[in-house]
Amino acid sequence: MNKPASSPSDYAFLGICERANYVRDGNSNVFKWNVLGLKSIVLSHFFPLNLGGYLLGFAINTRAAFDDKQVILVDKSGSQVGTLDFAPKTVSPNEEDAVLHKETPIVMVPEVGWVMFFAQLGLQSFVITKPGLYYLRITR
């Protein structure tokens, strides 16, 4: 059976936050996101504003969860401000360590439905030079 091609409607931007960890829910095999400071608007009185260290939150349809994508931040005129590459891969944690701690986030992906995902921006990823409206584009 061929997998249907992903489309832009397979991705939803949830917002930007200061902290997001994928943690075990109590003493169970169920996992959840522990998120602090999720917002859709970043206010600042000082520019340039470096968004390094923040996390971008997405909800991704599982049919598109393993597609390589690039997220591009652009300003109102369409000029590129920064990029973030998604290159998902399949991994299997051992039984003792069901939540893996790596440089890149690792989440469980159900067979159908949607999965939440938070990607940390590098220290020099996105630098906002002036106030204004900014948009995310997903390519590839």
C-alpha atoms as a PDB file:
ATOM      1  CA  MET A   1       0.000   0.000   0.000  1.00  0.00           C
ATOM      2  CA  ASN A   2       1.395   3.384  -0.986  1.00  0.00           C
ATOM      3  CA  LYS A   3       1.505   6.120   1.584  1.00  0.00           C
ATOM      4  CA  PRO A   4      -0.472   9.243   0.556  1.00  0.00           C
ATOM      5  CA  ALA A   5       1.665  12.305  -0.103  1.00  0.00           C
ATOM      6  CA  SER A   6       1.835  14.864   2.679  1.00  0.00           C
ATOM      7  CA  SER A   7       0.320  18.308   2.194  1.00  0.00           C
ATOM      8  CA  PRO A   8       0.575  21.654   4.019  1.00  0.00           C
ATOM      9  CA  SER A   9      -2.644  20.771   5.867  1.00  0.00           C
ATOM     10  CA  ASP A  10      -0.699  17.937   7.573  1.00  0.00           C
ATOM     11  CA  TYR A  11       1.188  20.523   9.675  1.00  0.00           C
ATOM     12  CA  ALA A  12      -0.120  22.952  12.289  1.00  0.00           C
ATOM     13  CA  PHE A  13       2.028  25.538  14.063  1.00  0.00           C
ATOM     14  CA  LEU A  14       1.216  25.526  17.785  1.00  0.00           C
ATOM     15  CA  GLY A  15       3.442  28.400  18.872  1.00  0.00           C
ATOM     16  CA  ILE A  16       6.808  29.245  20.383  1.00  0.00           C
ATOM     17  CA  CYS A  17       7.801  28.422  23.960  1.00  0.00           C
ATOM     18  CA  GLU A  18      10.657  28.694  26.439  1.00  0.00           C
ATOM     19  CA  ARG A  19      10.650  25.038  27.502  1.00  0.00           C
ATOM     20  CA  ALA A  20       9.169  21.730  26.328  1.00  0.00           C
ATOM     21  CA  ASN A  21      10.099  18.259  27.561  1.00  0.00           C
ATOM     22  CA  TYR A  22       8.689  14.891  26.557  1.00  0.00           C
ATOM     23  CA  VAL A  23       8.083  13.107  29.872  1.00  0.00           C
ATOM     24  CA  ARG A  24       6.479   9.970  31.268  1.00  0.00           C
ATOM     25  CA  ASP A  25       3.000  10.595  32.695  1.00  0.00           C
ATOM     26  CA  GLY A  26       3.356   9.411  36.297  1.00  0.00           C
ATOM     27  CA  ASN A  27       4.226   5.736  36.758  1.00  0.00           C
ATOM     28  CA  SER A  28       2.839   4.621  33.376  1.00  0.00           C
ATOM     29  CA  ASN A  29       3.956   3.903  29.834  1.00  0.00           C
ATOM     30  CA  VAL A  30       2.078   6.954  28.591  1.00  0.00           C
ATOM     31  CA  PHE A  31       4.047  10.047  27.583  1.00  0.00           C
ATOM     32  CA  LYS A  32       3.117  13.711  27.440  1.00  0.00           C
ATOM     33  CA  TRP A  33       4.636  17.087  26.657  1.00  0.00           C
ATOM     34  CA  ASN A  34       5.433  19.358  29.582  1.00  0.00           C
ATOM     35  CA  VAL A  35       5.368  22.845  27.998  1.00  0.00           C
ATOM     36  CA  LEU A  36       6.039  26.246  29.589  1.00  0.00           C
ATOM     37  CA  GLY A  37       5.284  29.610  28.068  1.00  0.00           C
ATOM     38  CA  LEU A  38       3.595  28.558  24.804  1.00  0.00           C
ATOM     39  CA  LYS A  39       2.578  31.673  22.856  1.00  0.00           C
ATOM     40  CA  SER A  40       1.914  32.794  19.301  1.00  0.00           C
ATOM     41  CA  ILE A  41       3.281  36.336  19.722  1.00  0.00           C
ATOM     42  CA  VAL A  42       6.771  37.262  20.938  1.00  0.00           C
ATOM     43  CA  LEU A  43       7.007  40.760  22.388  1.00  0.00           C
ATOM     44  CA  SER A  44      10.309  42.609  22.593  1.00  0.00           C
ATOM     45  CA  HIS A  45      11.446  46.187  23.162  1.00  0.00           C
ATOM     46  CA  PHE A  46      14.959  45.479  21.879  1.00  0.00           C
ATOM     47  CA  PHE A  47      16.189  44.537  18.414  1.00  0.00           C
ATOM     48  CA  PRO A  48      17.869  42.579  16.988  1.00  0.00           C
ATOM     49  CA  LEU A  49      16.035  39.789  18.833  1.00  0.00           C
ATOM     50  CA  ASN A  50      17.711  36.377  18.885  1.00  0.00           C
ATOM     51  CA  LEU A  51      15.188  33.524  19.200  1.00  0.00           C
ATOM     52  CA  GLY A  52      17.963  30.994  19.866  1.00  0.00           C
ATOM     53  CA  GLY A  53      17.036  28.565  22.630  1.00  0.00           C
ATOM     54  CA  TYR A  54      13.281  28.928  22.107  1.00  0.00           C
ATOM     55  CA  LEU A  55      11.271  25.952  20.837  1.00  0.00           C
ATOM     56  CA  LEU A  56       8.801  25.891  17.947  1.00  0.00           C
ATOM     57  CA  GLY A  57       5.758  23.663  18.492  1.00  0.00           C
ATOM     58  CA  PHE A  58       4.031  21.763  15.721  1.00  0.00           C
ATOM     59  CA  ALA A  59       1.256  19.212  15.376  1.00  0.00           C
ATOM     60  CA  ILE A  60       1.986  16.820  12.512  1.00  0.00           C
ATOM     61  CA  ASN A  61      -0.357  14.305  10.898  1.00  0.00           C
ATOM     62  CA  THR A  62       1.251  10.872  11.266  1.00  0.00           C
ATOM     63  CA  ARG A  63       1.086  10.246   7.499  1.00  0.00           C
ATOM     64  CA  ALA A  64       3.616  13.107   7.152  1.00  0.00           C
ATOM     65  CA  ALA A  65       5.636  12.469  10.320  1.00  0.00           C
ATOM     66  CA  PHE A  66       8.595  10.868   8.542  1.00  0.00           C
ATOM     67  CA  ASP A  67       8.906  13.284   5.619  1.00  0.00           C
ATOM     68  CA  ASP A  68      11.953  15.548   5.508  1.00  0.00           C
ATOM     69  CA  LYS A  69      10.798  19.161   5.717  1.00  0.00           C
ATOM     70  CA  GLN A  70      12.306  22.598   6.037  1.00  0.00           C
ATOM     71  CA  VAL A  71      10.627  25.368   8.023  1.00  0.00           C
ATOM     72  CA  ILE A  72      11.526  28.848   6.803  1.00  0.00           C
ATOM     73  CA  LEU A  73      10.795  32.020   8.782  1.00  0.00           C
ATOM     74  CA  VAL A  74      10.111  34.979   6.493  1.00  0.00           C
ATOM     75  CA  ASP A  75       9.231  38.592   7.164  1.00  0.00           C
ATOM     76  CA  LYS A  76       6.238  40.429   5.698  1.00  0.00           C
ATOM     77  CA  SER A  77       8.133  41.223   2.473  1.00  0.00           C
ATOM     78  CA  GLY A  78       9.073  37.540   1.983  1.00  0.00           C
ATOM     79  CA  SER A  79      12.741  37.887   2.959  1.00  0.00           C
ATOM     80  CA  GLN A  80      14.140  34.803   4.660  1.00  0.00           C
ATOM     81  CA  VAL A  81      15.116  35.235   8.328  1.00  0.00           C
ATOM     82  CA  GLY A  82      16.076  31.663   9.206  1.00  0.00           C
ATOM     83  CA  THR A  83      15.517  27.967   8.536  1.00  0.00           C
ATOM     84  CA  LEU A  84      14.942  24.824  10.540  1.00  0.00           C
ATOM     85  CA  ASP A  85      15.368  21.373   8.960  1.00  0.00           C
ATOM     86  CA  PHE A  86      13.325  18.322   9.992  1.00  0.00           C
ATOM     87  CA  ALA A  87      14.928  14.996   9.093  1.00  0.00           C
ATOM     88  CA  PRO A  88      12.908  12.385  11.046  1.00  0.00           C
ATOM     89  CA  LYS A  89      14.132   8.833  11.452  1.00  0.00           C
ATOM     90  CA  THR A  90      12.911   5.701  13.193  1.00  0.00           C
ATOM     91  CA  VAL A  91      14.585   4.606  16.444  1.00  0.00           C
ATOM     92  CA  SER A  92      13.701   2.040  19.111  1.00  0.00           C
ATOM     93  CA  PRO A  93      14.511   2.779  22.748  1.00  0.00           C
ATOM     94  CA  ASN A  94      15.571  -0.065  25.002  1.00  0.00           C
ATOM     95  CA  GLU A  95      13.080  -1.208  27.649  1.00  0.00           C
ATOM     96  CA  GLU A  96      14.815   0.548  30.564  1.00  0.00           C
ATOM     97  CA  ASP A  97      15.022   3.922  28.851  1.00  0.00           C
ATOM     98  CA  ALA A  98      11.699   4.539  27.092  1.00  0.00           C
ATOM     99  CA  VAL A  99      12.385   8.287  26.822  1.00  0.00           C
ATOM    100  CA  LEU A 100      15.630   8.931  25.012  1.00  0.00           C
ATOM    101  CA  HIS A 101      17.583  12.095  25.763  1.00  0.00           C
ATOM    102  CA  LYS A 102      19.457  13.204  22.670  1.00  0.00           C
ATOM    103  CA  GLU A 103      20.381  16.470  21.002  1.00  0.00           C
ATOM    104  CA  THR A 104      17.334  16.029  18.788  1.00  0.00           C
ATOM    105  CA  PRO A 105      13.820  15.368  20.131  1.00  0.00           C
ATOM    106  CA  ILE A 106      12.504  11.811  20.106  1.00  0.00           C
ATOM    107  CA  VAL A 107       8.755  11.212  20.299  1.00  0.00           C
ATOM    108  CA  MET A 108       6.416   8.275  19.877  1.00  0.00           C
ATOM    109  CA  VAL A 109       4.346   8.418  16.689  1.00  0.00           C
ATOM    110  CA  PRO A 110       1.000   6.578  16.634  1.00  0.00           C
ATOM    111  CA  GLU A 111      -0.074   4.760  13.475  1.00  0.00           C
ATOM    112  CA  VAL A 112      -2.889   7.236  12.761  1.00  0.00           C
ATOM    113  CA  GLY A 113      -3.756  10.678  14.053  1.00  0.00           C
ATOM    114  CA  TRP A 114      -1.576  13.605  15.008  1.00  0.00           C
ATOM    115  CA  VAL A 115       1.584  13.950  17.049  1.00  0.00           C
ATOM    116  CA  MET A 116       2.921  17.050  18.813  1.00  0.00           C
ATOM    117  CA  PHE A 117       6.544  17.965  18.275  1.00  0.00           C
ATOM    118  CA  PHE A 118       8.751  20.747  19.682  1.00  0.00           C
ATOM    119  CA  ALA A 119      12.001  21.675  17.930  1.00  0.00           C
ATOM    120  CA  GLN A 120      14.625  23.771  19.684  1.00  0.00           C
ATOM    121  CA  LEU A 121      16.112  26.631  17.719  1.00  0.00           C
ATOM    122  CA  GLY A 122      19.887  26.861  17.574  1.00  0.00           C
ATOM    123  CA  LEU A 123      21.627  29.856  19.095  1.00  0.00           C
ATOM    124  CA  GLN A 124      22.002  31.616  15.744  1.00  0.00           C
ATOM    125  CA  SER A 125      18.967  30.168  13.916  1.00  0.00           C
ATOM    126  CA  PHE A 126      16.483  33.015  13.854  1.00  0.00           C
ATOM    127  CA  VAL A 127      17.489  36.627  14.461  1.00  0.00           C
ATOM    128  CA  ILE A 128      14.679  39.168  14.158  1.00  0.00           C
ATOM    129  CA  THR A 129      16.196  42.498  13.088  1.00  0.00           C
ATOM    130  CA  LYS A 130      13.087  44.690  13.341  1.00  0.00           C
ATOM    131  CA  PRO A 131       9.543  44.553  14.701  1.00  0.00           C
ATOM    132  CA  GLY A 132       6.850  43.244  12.382  1.00  0.00           C
ATOM    133  CA  LEU A 133       4.857  40.250  11.226  1.00  0.00           C
ATOM    134  CA  TYR A 134       6.718  37.020  10.467  1.00  0.00           C
ATOM    135  CA  TYR A 135       5.455  33.852   8.837  1.00  0.00           C
ATOM    136  CA  LEU A 136       6.510  30.199   8.754  1.00  0.00           C
ATOM    137  CA  ARG A 137       6.648  28.308   5.459  1.00  0.00           C
ATOM    138  CA  ILE A 138       7.058  24.562   5.188  1.00  0.00           C
ATOM    139  CA  THR A 139       8.889  23.319   2.093  1.00  0.00           C
ATOM    140  CA  ARG A 140      10.130  20.065   0.471  1.00  0.00           C
END
